[in-house]
Amino acid sequence: MILFSLSLGRVDISCMTVLKILFSSVFPLEPDWSVTTYAVVIDVRLPRILAGILVGAALSISGASFQGVFQNPLVSPHILGVASGAGFGAALAILLFDNILMIHLVSFFFGLLSVGMTYSLSRVYKITPILMLVLSGIVVGSLFSALTSFLKYIADPMNKMPAIVFWLLGSLNHVSSKDLLITAPVFIVCISALLMVRWRINLLAMGEEDAKSLGVNTETLKAVIIVSATIATASAVCISGIIGWIGIMIPHIGRLIVGPDHKYLLPVSMLIGAAYLVAVDTIARTALVTEIPIGILTAIFGAPVFAFLLRKSQKAD
């Protein structure tokens, strides 16, 4: 999928040329391509594709982890209000600073703030019931969605308003190598943490009482999973805007392939999500003369696929 995406665009480049350009940084190959072709592959398309891989993998593995922790296959990474909080932070930064670095920082800060608010609101007698966590996430998400709508209402309709709306629809158009250097370590740490505890998610899926009887500290385990998945989601929102449906749809596709065992489900979901978002981004930038926001395409593709999966699971039951 990476090779396919690197080849397609406003300037079509053969797969062989793409491979030569990629290997030229390792092997002393004689260049038979133009400087423009090299810049298109390395400086324009490659950072965008790497961002698509990281964002798709992060949203998918976070969705699979949340669904296991909450014992609910309809849960998505946005359940704790992280997307709404990060979206509000980005809209605020666009309105006040109009600087890509500030957009990332403020978006990330409000994404984490929304999770902190959700977790604090859901605490009851030193424990965190799943239902209270979900309901608190809905409350916090609604609050930040309302605040984002207020920012759009007061924004300059000629300049700021279109920028806010386009960013909230999701896009990898503005991702640069500098953005990847900042966010890639965060993605790698969070994804690695989820992969390291993936077999323990099976114990949580059995129910908290059963997990406790097996000696698992469920509160600590839930905190590790929720914090890692939330930071990964917040980082994804920072560089790509709000992209829906991946975290809820891809884990279902993974279950059709490897079953419900999270030991295999998480890495498979991560790979499928990465390939899927790269494919959707390729369509977004090549289908029309102007680029289509990714959030629109993921909703168009995701809704019917998820409806089909729901119908299939009902028939199976």
Protein backbone atom coordinates (compact mmCIF):
# COMPACT_ATOMS: atom_id res chain seq x y z
CA MET A 1 0.00 0.00 0.00
CA ILE A 2 2.91 2.35 0.74
CA LEU A 3 4.42 1.72 -2.70
CA PHE A 4 1.05 2.11 -4.39
CA SER A 5 0.38 5.41 -2.59
CA LEU A 6 3.85 6.80 -3.35
CA SER A 7 3.28 6.16 -7.05
CA LEU A 8 -0.09 7.90 -7.39
CA GLY A 9 -0.85 11.60 -7.31
CA ARG A 10 -0.89 14.70 -9.47
CA VAL A 11 2.39 13.40 -10.88
CA ASP A 12 2.27 9.66 -11.55
CA ILE A 13 5.58 7.93 -10.85
CA SER A 14 6.32 4.30 -11.69
CA CYS A 15 6.73 1.85 -8.83
CA MET A 16 10.24 0.97 -10.01
CA THR A 17 11.29 4.62 -9.89
CA VAL A 18 9.82 4.94 -6.40
CA LEU A 19 11.79 1.90 -5.23
CA LYS A 20 15.01 3.28 -6.74
CA ILE A 21 14.48 6.62 -4.99
CA LEU A 22 13.81 4.92 -1.65
CA PHE A 23 16.86 2.64 -1.94
CA SER A 24 19.12 5.46 -3.18
CA SER A 25 19.50 6.66 0.41
CA VAL A 26 21.00 3.27 1.34
CA PHE A 27 22.70 2.03 -1.84
CA PRO A 28 24.85 4.09 -4.26
CA LEU A 29 22.39 4.08 -7.19
CA GLU A 30 22.90 6.21 -10.28
CA PRO A 31 19.93 8.63 -10.37
CA ASP A 32 17.79 8.41 -13.51
CA TRP A 33 15.02 10.59 -12.09
CA SER A 34 14.60 14.34 -11.89
CA VAL A 35 15.08 16.49 -8.81
CA THR A 36 11.35 17.26 -8.87
CA THR A 37 10.45 13.57 -8.85
CA TYR A 38 12.74 12.95 -5.89
CA ALA A 39 11.23 15.88 -3.98
CA VAL A 40 7.67 14.67 -4.67
CA VAL A 41 8.41 11.20 -3.31
CA ILE A 42 10.64 12.05 -0.33
CA ASP A 43 9.53 15.51 0.75
CA VAL A 44 5.82 15.53 -0.14
CA ARG A 45 4.33 12.05 -0.24
CA LEU A 46 6.50 10.04 2.16
CA PRO A 47 5.85 12.17 5.30
CA ARG A 48 2.13 12.15 4.53
CA ILE A 49 2.06 8.37 4.09
CA LEU A 50 4.07 7.77 7.28
CA ALA A 51 1.62 10.02 9.13
CA GLY A 52 -1.27 8.00 7.68
CA ILE A 53 0.36 4.78 8.92
CA LEU A 54 0.85 6.13 12.44
CA VAL A 55 -2.61 7.71 12.69
CA GLY A 56 -4.40 4.66 11.25
CA ALA A 57 -2.49 2.27 13.50
CA ALA A 58 -3.05 4.44 16.59
CA LEU A 59 -6.81 4.87 16.06
CA SER A 60 -7.32 1.18 15.26
CA ILE A 61 -5.35 -0.28 18.14
CA SER A 62 -6.90 2.27 20.51
CA GLY A 63 -10.38 1.27 19.35
CA ALA A 64 -9.66 -2.42 19.85
CA SER A 65 -8.22 -1.72 23.31
CA PHE A 66 -11.17 0.42 24.40
CA GLN A 67 -13.65 -2.19 23.17
CA GLY A 68 -11.88 -4.85 25.21
CA VAL A 69 -11.65 -2.74 28.37
CA PHE A 70 -15.26 -1.53 28.17
CA GLN A 71 -16.51 -4.98 27.07
CA ASN A 72 -18.50 -3.21 24.36
CA PRO A 73 -17.83 -3.64 20.61
CA LEU A 74 -19.49 -0.28 19.86
CA VAL A 75 -16.95 1.80 21.80
CA SER A 76 -14.51 3.98 19.84
CA PRO A 77 -11.38 5.99 20.79
CA HIS A 78 -13.50 9.13 20.97
CA ILE A 79 -15.60 7.79 23.85
CA LEU A 80 -13.66 9.71 26.50
CA GLY A 81 -14.16 13.05 24.75
CA VAL A 82 -10.54 13.19 23.56
CA ALA A 83 -11.46 14.01 19.95
CA SER A 84 -13.83 16.77 20.98
CA GLY A 85 -11.31 18.23 23.41
CA ALA A 86 -8.44 18.11 20.91
CA GLY A 87 -10.73 19.53 18.23
CA PHE A 88 -11.61 22.47 20.45
CA GLY A 89 -7.92 23.06 21.20
CA ALA A 90 -7.07 23.10 17.50
CA ALA A 91 -9.94 25.46 16.70
CA LEU A 92 -8.83 27.78 19.52
CA ALA A 93 -5.22 27.75 18.27
CA ILE A 94 -6.32 28.48 14.69
CA LEU A 95 -8.39 31.37 15.95
CA LEU A 96 -5.68 32.88 18.18
CA PHE A 97 -2.30 31.88 16.73
CA ASP A 98 -2.67 30.43 13.21
CA ASN A 99 0.61 28.56 13.73
CA ILE A 100 0.87 24.84 12.96
CA LEU A 101 3.09 24.12 16.00
CA MET A 102 0.72 25.92 18.34
CA ILE A 103 -2.21 24.02 16.80
CA HIS A 104 -0.51 20.74 17.66
CA LEU A 105 0.43 21.78 21.20
CA VAL A 106 -2.91 23.32 22.16
CA SER A 107 -4.83 20.45 20.56
CA PHE A 108 -2.78 17.89 22.47
CA PHE A 109 -3.19 19.80 25.74
CA PHE A 110 -6.97 19.99 25.48
CA GLY A 111 -7.15 16.33 24.41
CA LEU A 112 -5.41 15.32 27.62
CA LEU A 113 -7.45 17.83 29.62
CA SER A 114 -10.70 16.31 28.36
CA VAL A 115 -9.55 12.85 29.45
CA GLY A 116 -8.58 14.17 32.87
CA MET A 117 -12.00 15.77 33.23
CA THR A 118 -13.71 12.56 32.16
CA TYR A 119 -11.71 10.40 34.54
CA SER A 120 -12.18 12.79 37.47
CA LEU A 121 -15.91 13.03 36.85
CA SER A 122 -16.30 9.26 36.72
CA ARG A 123 -14.46 8.47 39.97
CA VAL A 124 -16.83 7.01 42.58
CA TYR A 125 -15.43 5.89 45.95
CA LYS A 126 -11.87 5.40 44.60
CA ILE A 127 -13.02 3.21 41.73
CA THR A 128 -13.99 3.98 38.14
CA PRO A 129 -17.09 2.10 36.96
CA ILE A 130 -17.16 1.57 33.20
CA LEU A 131 -20.67 2.99 32.81
CA MET A 132 -19.71 6.16 34.69
CA LEU A 133 -16.60 6.53 32.52
CA VAL A 134 -18.62 6.26 29.30
CA LEU A 135 -21.31 8.67 30.50
CA SER A 136 -18.67 11.13 31.69
CA GLY A 137 -16.99 10.94 28.30
CA ILE A 138 -20.29 11.79 26.61
CA VAL A 139 -20.77 14.79 28.92
CA VAL A 140 -17.23 16.13 28.40
CA GLY A 141 -17.36 15.48 24.65
CA SER A 142 -20.65 17.39 24.37
CA LEU A 143 -19.18 20.30 26.33
CA PHE A 144 -16.15 20.65 24.06
CA SER A 145 -18.28 20.18 20.93
CA ALA A 146 -20.46 23.09 22.09
CA LEU A 147 -17.37 25.22 22.76
CA THR A 148 -16.04 24.39 19.28
CA SER A 149 -19.35 25.44 17.74
CA PHE A 150 -19.09 28.73 19.64
CA LEU A 151 -15.59 29.33 18.24
CA LYS A 152 -16.88 28.69 14.72
CA TYR A 153 -19.71 31.15 15.37
CA ILE A 154 -17.36 33.98 16.38
CA ALA A 155 -14.59 33.19 13.87
CA ASP A 156 -13.91 35.34 10.82
CA PRO A 157 -16.12 33.76 8.12
CA MET A 158 -13.64 34.59 5.35
CA ASN A 159 -10.38 33.23 6.79
CA LYS A 160 -10.57 31.54 10.19
CA MET A 161 -13.89 29.76 9.77
CA PRO A 162 -12.91 27.72 6.65
CA ALA A 163 -9.59 26.75 8.27
CA ILE A 164 -11.34 25.50 11.42
CA VAL A 165 -13.97 23.55 9.48
CA PHE A 166 -11.41 21.95 7.13
CA TRP A 167 -9.18 20.93 10.03
CA LEU A 168 -12.08 19.39 11.95
CA LEU A 169 -13.03 17.34 8.87
CA GLY A 170 -9.62 15.63 8.99
CA SER A 171 -6.70 15.82 6.58
CA LEU A 172 -3.02 14.86 6.27
CA ASN A 173 -2.36 17.71 3.87
CA HIS A 174 -0.24 19.82 6.23
CA VAL A 175 1.85 17.04 7.79
CA SER A 176 5.59 17.63 7.52
CA SER A 177 8.73 15.75 8.54
CA LYS A 178 9.01 18.04 11.58
CA ASP A 179 5.54 17.00 12.72
CA LEU A 180 6.54 13.35 12.45
CA LEU A 181 9.71 13.88 14.48
CA ILE A 182 7.63 15.38 17.28
CA THR A 183 4.72 12.93 17.31
CA ALA A 184 6.25 9.64 16.12
CA PRO A 185 7.94 8.86 19.49
CA VAL A 186 4.61 9.42 21.28
CA PHE A 187 2.83 7.07 18.85
CA ILE A 188 5.51 4.41 19.20
CA VAL A 189 5.52 4.50 23.03
CA CYS A 190 1.71 4.35 23.32
CA ILE A 191 1.29 1.61 20.70
CA SER A 192 4.11 -0.42 22.28
CA ALA A 193 2.48 -0.12 25.72
CA LEU A 194 -0.83 -1.42 24.35
CA LEU A 195 0.90 -4.30 22.57
CA MET A 196 2.76 -5.26 25.75
CA VAL A 197 -0.46 -5.62 27.79
CA ARG A 198 -2.69 -6.95 25.01
CA TRP A 199 -3.03 -10.43 26.47
CA ARG A 200 -4.22 -8.93 29.78
CA ILE A 201 -7.09 -7.23 27.95
CA ASN A 202 -8.53 -10.73 27.51
CA LEU A 203 -8.78 -10.94 31.30
CA LEU A 204 -10.62 -7.62 31.50
CA ALA A 205 -12.99 -8.78 28.77
CA MET A 206 -14.00 -11.66 31.07
CA GLY A 207 -15.22 -9.14 33.65
CA GLU A 208 -13.51 -7.23 36.46
CA GLU A 209 -14.43 -9.75 39.17
CA ASP A 210 -12.93 -12.67 37.24
CA ALA A 211 -9.83 -10.63 36.44
CA LYS A 212 -9.37 -9.70 40.11
CA SER A 213 -9.75 -13.35 41.12
CA LEU A 214 -6.79 -14.12 38.84
CA GLY A 215 -4.62 -11.58 40.66
CA VAL A 216 -4.88 -8.72 38.15
CA ASN A 217 -4.88 -5.15 39.47
CA THR A 218 -7.74 -4.05 37.25
CA GLU A 219 -7.60 -0.34 38.19
CA THR A 220 -3.91 -0.05 37.26
CA LEU A 221 -4.37 -2.07 34.09
CA LYS A 222 -7.36 0.02 32.99
CA ALA A 223 -5.42 3.21 33.69
CA VAL A 224 -2.45 2.06 31.57
CA ILE A 225 -4.68 1.03 28.66
CA ILE A 226 -6.92 4.10 28.78
CA VAL A 227 -4.03 6.57 29.14
CA SER A 228 -2.00 4.95 26.34
CA ALA A 229 -4.97 4.74 23.96
CA THR A 230 -6.06 8.27 24.80
CA ILE A 231 -2.63 9.84 24.26
CA ALA A 232 -2.31 7.93 20.97
CA THR A 233 -5.72 9.26 19.88
CA ALA A 234 -4.88 12.80 20.98
CA SER A 235 -1.62 12.65 19.01
CA ALA A 236 -3.54 11.46 15.95
CA VAL A 237 -6.01 14.33 16.25
CA CYS A 238 -3.09 16.76 16.61
CA ILE A 239 -1.66 16.03 13.17
CA SER A 240 -4.69 14.89 11.18
CA GLY A 241 -7.79 16.48 12.69
CA ILE A 242 -10.81 14.40 13.62
CA ILE A 243 -11.04 11.18 11.58
CA GLY A 244 -13.95 8.98 12.60
CA TRP A 245 -15.05 5.37 12.11
CA ILE A 246 -11.57 3.83 11.95
CA GLY A 247 -11.41 3.03 15.67
CA ILE A 248 -14.83 1.40 15.69
CA MET A 249 -14.84 -0.35 12.29
CA ILE A 250 -11.33 -1.77 11.90
CA PRO A 251 -11.38 -3.87 15.13
CA HIS A 252 -14.55 -5.60 13.84
CA ILE A 253 -12.78 -6.48 10.60
CA GLY A 254 -9.85 -7.78 12.67
CA ARG A 255 -12.21 -10.03 14.66
CA LEU A 256 -13.49 -11.57 11.43
CA ILE A 257 -9.90 -12.50 10.55
CA VAL A 258 -8.32 -13.63 13.86
CA GLY A 259 -11.21 -13.82 16.32
CA PRO A 260 -11.67 -12.01 19.67
CA ASP A 261 -8.28 -12.89 21.20
CA HIS A 262 -6.64 -9.50 21.84
CA LYS A 263 -3.20 -11.09 21.67
CA TYR A 264 -3.72 -11.27 17.90
CA LEU A 265 -6.51 -8.73 17.45
CA LEU A 266 -4.47 -5.66 18.43
CA PRO A 267 -1.53 -6.14 16.00
CA VAL A 268 -3.86 -7.19 13.18
CA SER A 269 -6.14 -4.19 13.75
CA MET A 270 -3.10 -1.94 13.82
CA LEU A 271 -1.86 -3.19 10.43
CA ILE A 272 -5.30 -3.08 8.81
CA GLY A 273 -5.95 0.42 10.13
CA ALA A 274 -2.61 1.71 8.85
CA ALA A 275 -3.16 0.27 5.37
CA TYR A 276 -6.77 1.46 5.30
CA LEU A 277 -5.98 5.09 6.16
CA VAL A 278 -3.14 5.22 3.62
CA ALA A 279 -5.55 3.91 0.98
CA VAL A 280 -8.27 6.42 1.92
CA ASP A 281 -5.75 9.28 1.93
CA THR A 282 -4.60 8.26 -1.55
CA ILE A 283 -8.20 8.42 -2.77
CA ALA A 284 -8.71 11.75 -0.99
CA ARG A 285 -5.83 13.45 -2.82
CA THR A 286 -6.30 11.87 -6.25
CA ALA A 287 -10.06 11.41 -6.79
CA LEU A 288 -10.86 15.08 -7.55
CA VAL A 289 -9.00 18.20 -8.57
CA THR A 290 -9.26 19.51 -5.01
CA GLU A 291 -8.47 17.35 -2.00
CA ILE A 292 -11.34 15.67 -0.16
CA PRO A 293 -11.16 15.75 3.66
CA ILE A 294 -10.39 12.25 4.95
CA GLY A 295 -13.09 12.40 7.62
CA ILE A 296 -15.75 12.59 4.90
CA LEU A 297 -14.42 9.51 3.09
CA THR A 298 -13.95 7.42 6.24
CA ALA A 299 -17.59 8.13 7.15
CA ILE A 300 -18.83 7.32 3.63
CA PHE A 301 -16.87 4.04 3.55
CA GLY A 302 -17.19 3.19 7.24
CA ALA A 303 -20.94 3.56 7.80
CA PRO A 304 -22.13 0.95 5.26
CA VAL A 305 -19.29 -1.45 6.12
CA PHE A 306 -20.07 -1.21 9.83
CA ALA A 307 -23.80 -1.67 9.12
CA PHE A 308 -22.94 -4.82 7.17
CA LEU A 309 -20.80 -6.12 10.03
CA LEU A 310 -23.61 -5.47 12.50
CA ARG A 311 -26.10 -7.37 10.37
CA LYS A 312 -23.68 -10.23 9.94
CA SER A 313 -23.04 -10.45 13.70
CA GLN A 314 -26.81 -10.49 14.37
CA LYS A 315 -27.28 -13.36 11.93
CA ALA A 316 -24.40 -15.21 13.57
CA ASP A 317 -26.08 -14.81 16.97
